């Protein structure tokens, strides 16, 4: 089992490293927000994303979300904290062998 975890962690790290060129690329997001996405690897090898978004109004808030997939095809969604425009919302999948599928933000307008 330990070898499987290590293989999964290495495969995830390689995939994230290979996407490094896109790690800081602006992403399309909800109307009124301009976001950058950074792909992360946690201390146990689990994947995460960091969304930093700004809007033209500092009273707007947002939260990041990530759809995570395990090796058996199960999907679940994790959510980051609700933060103010200009701050970062970070969200993690539960385990190293999970992958991030769809991801984005939910917006909260004042």
C-alpha atoms as a PDB file:
ATOM      1  CA  UNK A   1       0.000   0.000   0.000  1.00  0.00           C
ATOM      2  CA  UNK A   2       2.854   2.380   0.817  1.00  0.00           C
ATOM      3  CA  UNK A   3       4.380   1.845  -2.635  1.00  0.00           C
ATOM      4  CA  UNK A   4       1.031   2.683  -4.259  1.00  0.00           C
ATOM      5  CA  UNK A   5       0.839   5.961  -2.336  1.00  0.00           C
ATOM      6  CA  UNK A   6       4.351   6.894  -3.403  1.00  0.00           C
ATOM      7  CA  UNK A   7       3.662   6.050  -7.046  1.00  0.00           C
ATOM      8  CA  UNK A   8       0.479   8.137  -6.909  1.00  0.00           C
ATOM      9  CA  UNK A   9       2.312  11.043  -5.291  1.00  0.00           C
ATOM     10  CA  UNK A  10       5.111  10.907  -7.863  1.00  0.00           C
ATOM     11  CA  UNK A  11       2.635  10.732 -10.760  1.00  0.00           C
ATOM     12  CA  UNK A  12       0.693  13.690  -9.357  1.00  0.00           C
ATOM     13  CA  UNK A  13       3.891  15.692  -8.863  1.00  0.00           C
ATOM     14  CA  UNK A  14       5.011  15.002 -12.424  1.00  0.00           C
ATOM     15  CA  UNK A  15       1.619  16.004 -13.832  1.00  0.00           C
ATOM     16  CA  UNK A  16       1.600  19.231 -11.844  1.00  0.00           C
ATOM     17  CA  UNK A  17       5.211  20.013 -12.765  1.00  0.00           C
ATOM     18  CA  UNK A  18       4.409  19.428 -16.425  1.00  0.00           C
ATOM     19  CA  UNK A  19       1.585  21.928 -16.190  1.00  0.00           C
ATOM     20  CA  UNK A  20       3.888  24.480 -14.568  1.00  0.00           C
ATOM     21  CA  UNK A  21       3.756  26.739 -17.578  1.00  0.00           C
ATOM     22  CA  UNK A  22       0.057  27.223 -16.967  1.00  0.00           C
ATOM     23  CA  UNK A  23       0.294  27.578 -13.203  1.00  0.00           C
ATOM     24  CA  UNK A  24       0.096  31.360 -13.192  1.00  0.00           C
ATOM     25  CA  UNK A  25      -1.940  31.898 -16.353  1.00  0.00           C
ATOM     26  CA  UNK A  26      -5.059  34.023 -15.972  1.00  0.00           C
ATOM     27  CA  UNK A  27      -8.199  31.932 -16.075  1.00  0.00           C
ATOM     28  CA  UNK A  28     -11.658  32.776 -17.240  1.00  0.00           C
ATOM     29  CA  UNK A  29     -13.901  33.276 -14.263  1.00  0.00           C
ATOM     30  CA  UNK A  30     -17.186  34.743 -13.191  1.00  0.00           C
ATOM     31  CA  UNK A  31     -18.143  38.089 -14.688  1.00  0.00           C
ATOM     32  CA  UNK A  32     -16.431  40.961 -12.918  1.00  0.00           C
ATOM     33  CA  UNK A  33     -13.557  38.917 -11.508  1.00  0.00           C
ATOM     34  CA  UNK A  34     -10.083  38.457 -12.961  1.00  0.00           C
ATOM     35  CA  UNK A  35      -8.391  35.341 -11.535  1.00  0.00           C
ATOM     36  CA  UNK A  36      -5.030  33.577 -11.526  1.00  0.00           C
ATOM     37  CA  UNK A  37      -4.738  29.889 -10.670  1.00  0.00           C
ATOM     38  CA  UNK A  38      -1.732  28.226  -9.045  1.00  0.00           C
ATOM     39  CA  UNK A  39      -1.589  24.420  -8.796  1.00  0.00           C
ATOM     40  CA  UNK A  40      -0.208  23.158  -5.480  1.00  0.00           C
ATOM     41  CA  UNK A  41       1.126  19.907  -3.981  1.00  0.00           C
ATOM     42  CA  UNK A  42       0.600  19.389  -0.244  1.00  0.00           C
ATOM     43  CA  UNK A  43       2.972  17.878   2.284  1.00  0.00           C
ATOM     44  CA  UNK A  44       1.415  14.439   1.782  1.00  0.00           C
ATOM     45  CA  UNK A  45       1.373  14.812  -2.013  1.00  0.00           C
ATOM     46  CA  UNK A  46      -2.296  15.763  -2.266  1.00  0.00           C
ATOM     47  CA  UNK A  47      -3.181  18.253  -5.037  1.00  0.00           C
ATOM     48  CA  UNK A  48      -4.661  21.675  -4.473  1.00  0.00           C
ATOM     49  CA  UNK A  49      -5.328  24.983  -6.169  1.00  0.00           C
ATOM     50  CA  UNK A  50      -4.879  28.567  -5.090  1.00  0.00           C
ATOM     51  CA  UNK A  51      -7.177  31.118  -6.759  1.00  0.00           C
ATOM     52  CA  UNK A  52      -6.279  34.788  -6.441  1.00  0.00           C
ATOM     53  CA  UNK A  53      -9.029  36.981  -7.867  1.00  0.00           C
ATOM     54  CA  UNK A  54      -9.665  40.685  -8.119  1.00  0.00           C
ATOM     55  CA  UNK A  55     -12.735  42.636  -9.086  1.00  0.00           C
ATOM     56  CA  UNK A  56     -13.207  46.296  -9.875  1.00  0.00           C
ATOM     57  CA  UNK A  57     -14.999  46.619  -6.514  1.00  0.00           C
ATOM     58  CA  UNK A  58     -13.195  45.722  -3.294  1.00  0.00           C
ATOM     59  CA  UNK A  59     -16.472  44.768  -1.586  1.00  0.00           C
ATOM     60  CA  UNK A  60     -16.906  41.609  -3.687  1.00  0.00           C
ATOM     61  CA  UNK A  61     -15.996  38.185  -2.302  1.00  0.00           C
ATOM     62  CA  UNK A  62     -15.365  34.738  -3.829  1.00  0.00           C
ATOM     63  CA  UNK A  63     -14.438  31.170  -2.937  1.00  0.00           C
ATOM     64  CA  UNK A  64     -12.513  28.571  -4.929  1.00  0.00           C
ATOM     65  CA  UNK A  65     -13.812  25.080  -5.566  1.00  0.00           C
ATOM     66  CA  UNK A  66     -12.238  21.933  -7.008  1.00  0.00           C
ATOM     67  CA  UNK A  67     -13.856  18.752  -8.253  1.00  0.00           C
ATOM     68  CA  UNK A  68     -11.591  15.924  -7.145  1.00  0.00           C
ATOM     69  CA  UNK A  69     -11.453  12.405  -8.649  1.00  0.00           C
ATOM     70  CA  UNK A  70     -10.101   9.277  -6.996  1.00  0.00           C
ATOM     71  CA  UNK A  71      -8.674   6.197  -8.725  1.00  0.00           C
ATOM     72  CA  UNK A  72     -12.087   4.489  -8.713  1.00  0.00           C
ATOM     73  CA  UNK A  73     -13.816   7.285 -10.640  1.00  0.00           C
ATOM     74  CA  UNK A  74     -15.573   8.758  -7.604  1.00  0.00           C
ATOM     75  CA  UNK A  75     -15.977  12.532  -7.644  1.00  0.00           C
ATOM     76  CA  UNK A  76     -16.366  14.976  -4.792  1.00  0.00           C
ATOM     77  CA  UNK A  77     -16.123  18.749  -4.477  1.00  0.00           C
ATOM     78  CA  UNK A  78     -14.083  20.661  -1.913  1.00  0.00           C
ATOM     79  CA  UNK A  79     -14.404  24.384  -1.258  1.00  0.00           C
ATOM     80  CA  UNK A  80     -11.930  27.017  -0.135  1.00  0.00           C
ATOM     81  CA  UNK A  81     -12.761  29.831   2.272  1.00  0.00           C
ATOM     82  CA  UNK A  82     -14.810  32.844   1.191  1.00  0.00           C
ATOM     83  CA  UNK A  83     -12.340  35.723   0.817  1.00  0.00           C
ATOM     84  CA  UNK A  84     -12.328  39.361  -0.296  1.00  0.00           C
ATOM     85  CA  UNK A  85     -11.320  40.530  -3.752  1.00  0.00           C
ATOM     86  CA  UNK A  86      -7.514  40.577  -3.973  1.00  0.00           C
ATOM     87  CA  UNK A  87      -7.055  37.699  -1.504  1.00  0.00           C
ATOM     88  CA  UNK A  88      -6.449  34.016  -2.235  1.00  0.00           C
ATOM     89  CA  UNK A  89      -8.786  31.063  -1.655  1.00  0.00           C
ATOM     90  CA  UNK A  90      -7.022  27.675  -1.394  1.00  0.00           C
ATOM     91  CA  UNK A  91      -8.703  24.282  -1.775  1.00  0.00           C
ATOM     92  CA  UNK A  92      -7.231  20.770  -1.464  1.00  0.00           C
ATOM     93  CA  UNK A  93      -8.227  17.281  -2.578  1.00  0.00           C
ATOM     94  CA  UNK A  94      -8.224  14.667   0.183  1.00  0.00           C
ATOM     95  CA  UNK A  95      -5.424  12.316  -0.914  1.00  0.00           C
ATOM     96  CA  UNK A  96      -2.280  12.129  -3.036  1.00  0.00           C
ATOM     97  CA  UNK A  97      -3.757   9.740  -5.596  1.00  0.00           C
ATOM     98  CA  UNK A  98      -6.685  12.061  -6.340  1.00  0.00           C
ATOM     99  CA  UNK A  99      -6.749  14.460  -9.279  1.00  0.00           C
ATOM    100  CA  UNK A 100      -8.379  17.841  -9.799  1.00  0.00           C
ATOM    101  CA  UNK A 101     -10.996  17.961 -12.537  1.00  0.00           C
ATOM    102  CA  UNK A 102     -13.204  21.009 -12.935  1.00  0.00           C
ATOM    103  CA  UNK A 103     -12.327  24.008 -10.813  1.00  0.00           C
ATOM    104  CA  UNK A 104     -13.388  27.620 -10.557  1.00  0.00           C
ATOM    105  CA  UNK A 105     -14.926  30.184  -8.225  1.00  0.00           C
ATOM    106  CA  UNK A 106     -18.281  31.106  -6.741  1.00  0.00           C
ATOM    107  CA  UNK A 107     -18.865  34.827  -6.364  1.00  0.00           C
ATOM    108  CA  UNK A 108     -20.570  36.869  -3.649  1.00  0.00           C
ATOM    109  CA  UNK A 109     -21.450  40.447  -4.565  1.00  0.00           C
ATOM    110  CA  UNK A 110     -22.132  43.151  -1.981  1.00  0.00           C
END
